[in-house]
Amino acid sequence: MATTAVDRSYITENSMELRRLRALVERLSDADLARPTPGGWTVAGSLAHVAFWDQRILFWLDRWESGESPRHLHEGDVDWINDAGKPLCLALPPRIAARLTLEVADALDRRLASLSDERVAENRAAGEPLFLTRASHRKTHLDEIERVLR
């Protein structure tokens, strides 16, 4: 019986955006972290937002290992979740928010890279309740931050 190759390109994509994130965080001053971004956020708050959504995937990976299937995120819930979490993201000390974002992204990328082909295939077959390509979300916010800092 022939096996189908599992697309693991998310590993390379995530790694590229993690390197970009790391380079950005390393060069950000405290003033840069405090700069406002669209929607009433700050650079640091936007980074904390990225950490929150990466942490969500870590949460579900842990649950999945315990036998609970990951739940789909309903698109209609994204806005209220972001709005509810915004005060918490903005309340974090900026340097801690930046460091946390790197730590969570690094931990998540290692976990995602270690997923078995079977798990990757299960996630795809279930309609991708876990967004393994974290690079796209990171890229959106990194692009925005870089525009603000120009």
Protein backbone atom coordinates (compact mmCIF):
# COMPACT_ATOMS: atom_id res chain seq x y z
CA MET A 1 0.00 0.00 0.00
CA ALA A 2 1.47 3.36 -1.07
CA THR A 3 1.79 6.13 1.47
CA THR A 4 1.06 9.74 0.69
CA ALA A 5 3.79 12.24 1.46
CA VAL A 6 2.86 14.62 4.25
CA ASP A 7 3.43 18.31 3.59
CA ARG A 8 5.83 19.55 6.27
CA SER A 9 6.69 22.84 4.55
CA TYR A 10 5.20 24.60 7.57
CA ILE A 11 8.43 23.80 9.45
CA THR A 12 10.59 25.84 7.09
CA GLU A 13 8.06 28.67 6.89
CA ASN A 14 7.71 28.86 10.68
CA SER A 15 11.48 28.81 11.09
CA MET A 16 11.93 31.71 8.66
CA GLU A 17 9.42 33.91 10.47
CA LEU A 18 10.84 32.93 13.86
CA ARG A 19 14.28 34.11 12.71
CA ARG A 20 12.68 37.33 11.51
CA LEU A 21 10.87 37.72 14.85
CA ARG A 22 14.07 37.12 16.78
CA ALA A 23 16.01 39.67 14.72
CA LEU A 24 13.26 42.25 15.22
CA VAL A 25 12.99 41.73 18.97
CA GLU A 26 16.77 41.91 19.38
CA ARG A 27 16.92 45.34 17.74
CA LEU A 28 13.80 46.88 19.33
CA SER A 29 14.38 49.63 21.84
CA ASP A 30 12.03 50.25 24.74
CA ALA A 31 10.68 53.24 22.79
CA ASP A 32 10.05 51.00 19.76
CA LEU A 33 8.14 48.50 21.92
CA ALA A 34 5.91 51.32 23.18
CA ARG A 35 5.09 52.66 19.70
CA PRO A 36 1.40 52.52 18.80
CA THR A 37 0.20 50.16 16.08
CA PRO A 38 -3.20 50.14 14.35
CA GLY A 39 -6.30 49.34 16.37
CA GLY A 40 -5.07 50.77 19.65
CA TRP A 41 -2.28 48.25 20.12
CA THR A 42 1.43 48.82 20.66
CA VAL A 43 4.40 46.99 19.19
CA ALA A 44 4.78 45.05 22.46
CA GLY A 45 1.05 44.39 22.66
CA SER A 46 1.04 43.10 19.08
CA LEU A 47 3.90 40.77 19.94
CA ALA A 48 2.00 39.52 23.01
CA HIS A 49 -1.00 38.91 20.74
CA VAL A 50 1.19 36.70 18.53
CA ALA A 51 2.36 34.83 21.64
CA PHE A 52 -1.26 34.30 22.74
CA TRP A 53 -2.25 32.65 19.46
CA ASP A 54 0.91 30.52 19.37
CA GLN A 55 0.19 29.51 22.99
CA ARG A 56 -3.29 28.41 21.91
CA ILE A 57 -1.70 25.87 19.59
CA LEU A 58 0.61 24.65 22.38
CA PHE A 59 -2.45 24.25 24.61
CA TRP A 60 -4.21 22.09 22.03
CA LEU A 61 -1.09 20.03 21.32
CA ASP A 62 -0.98 19.14 25.02
CA ARG A 63 -4.67 18.26 25.03
CA TRP A 64 -4.28 16.24 21.85
CA GLU A 65 -1.51 14.18 23.46
CA SER A 66 -3.94 13.52 26.31
CA GLY A 67 -6.56 12.20 23.92
CA GLU A 68 -8.76 15.26 23.39
CA SER A 69 -9.22 16.29 19.77
CA PRO A 70 -8.36 19.90 18.98
CA ARG A 71 -11.35 22.15 18.47
CA HIS A 72 -11.86 24.29 15.43
CA LEU A 73 -11.64 28.01 15.96
CA HIS A 74 -14.74 29.68 14.59
CA GLU A 75 -13.83 32.72 12.52
CA GLY A 76 -16.58 34.70 14.25
CA ASP A 77 -14.82 34.21 17.59
CA VAL A 78 -11.47 35.71 16.57
CA ASP A 79 -12.49 39.36 16.97
CA TRP A 80 -14.02 39.03 20.42
CA ILE A 81 -11.09 36.90 21.62
CA ASN A 82 -8.64 39.53 20.36
CA ASP A 83 -10.68 42.33 21.94
CA ALA A 84 -10.95 40.47 25.25
CA GLY A 85 -7.24 39.71 25.35
CA LYS A 86 -6.09 43.14 24.26
CA PRO A 87 -6.01 44.73 27.75
CA LEU A 88 -3.93 41.82 29.03
CA CYS A 89 -1.49 42.02 26.12
CA LEU A 90 -1.13 45.77 26.61
CA ALA A 91 -0.66 45.41 30.37
CA LEU A 92 2.44 43.22 30.05
CA PRO A 93 5.73 45.05 30.53
CA PRO A 94 6.94 45.58 26.93
CA ARG A 95 10.29 43.79 27.23
CA ILE A 96 8.59 40.81 28.90
CA ALA A 97 5.99 40.69 26.12
CA ALA A 98 8.76 40.62 23.51
CA ARG A 99 10.72 37.91 25.35
CA LEU A 100 7.58 35.83 25.91
CA THR A 101 6.72 36.01 22.23
CA LEU A 102 10.11 34.56 21.32
CA GLU A 103 9.95 31.85 23.99
CA VAL A 104 6.47 30.70 22.99
CA ALA A 105 7.25 30.78 19.26
CA ASP A 106 10.44 28.80 19.77
CA ALA A 107 8.73 26.19 21.96
CA LEU A 108 5.83 25.88 19.53
CA ASP A 109 8.02 25.54 16.47
CA ARG A 110 10.00 22.75 18.13
CA ARG A 111 6.77 20.93 19.03
CA LEU A 112 5.31 21.36 15.56
CA ALA A 113 8.51 20.15 13.91
CA SER A 114 8.40 17.00 16.06
CA LEU A 115 4.83 16.07 15.11
CA SER A 116 4.62 12.68 13.50
CA ASP A 117 3.47 12.43 9.90
CA GLU A 118 0.38 10.67 11.25
CA ARG A 119 -0.51 13.64 13.46
CA VAL A 120 0.04 16.11 10.63
CA ALA A 121 -2.19 13.99 8.40
CA GLU A 122 -4.85 13.69 11.14
CA ASN A 123 -4.90 17.46 11.55
CA ARG A 124 -5.32 17.96 7.80
CA ALA A 125 -8.05 15.31 7.58
CA ALA A 126 -9.92 17.01 10.45
CA GLY A 127 -9.99 20.29 8.54
CA GLU A 128 -6.89 21.73 10.24
CA PRO A 129 -8.19 22.73 13.66
CA LEU A 130 -4.55 23.48 14.48
CA PHE A 131 -2.96 26.03 12.18
CA LEU A 132 0.49 24.49 11.86
CA THR A 133 1.78 27.26 9.61
CA ARG A 134 2.29 29.86 12.34
CA ALA A 135 4.43 31.85 9.91
CA SER A 136 1.42 33.49 8.24
CA HIS A 137 0.11 35.04 11.48
CA ARG A 138 3.58 36.11 12.57
CA LYS A 139 4.31 37.61 9.14
CA THR A 140 1.13 39.70 9.20
CA HIS A 141 2.09 41.28 12.51
CA LEU A 142 5.79 41.58 11.77
CA ASP A 143 4.99 43.38 8.50
CA GLU A 144 2.70 45.75 10.40
CA ILE A 145 5.30 46.42 13.10
CA GLU A 146 7.99 47.08 10.53
CA ARG A 147 5.69 49.57 8.73
CA VAL A 148 5.08 51.38 12.02
CA LEU A 149 8.78 51.55 12.81
CA ARG A 150 9.75 52.99 9.41
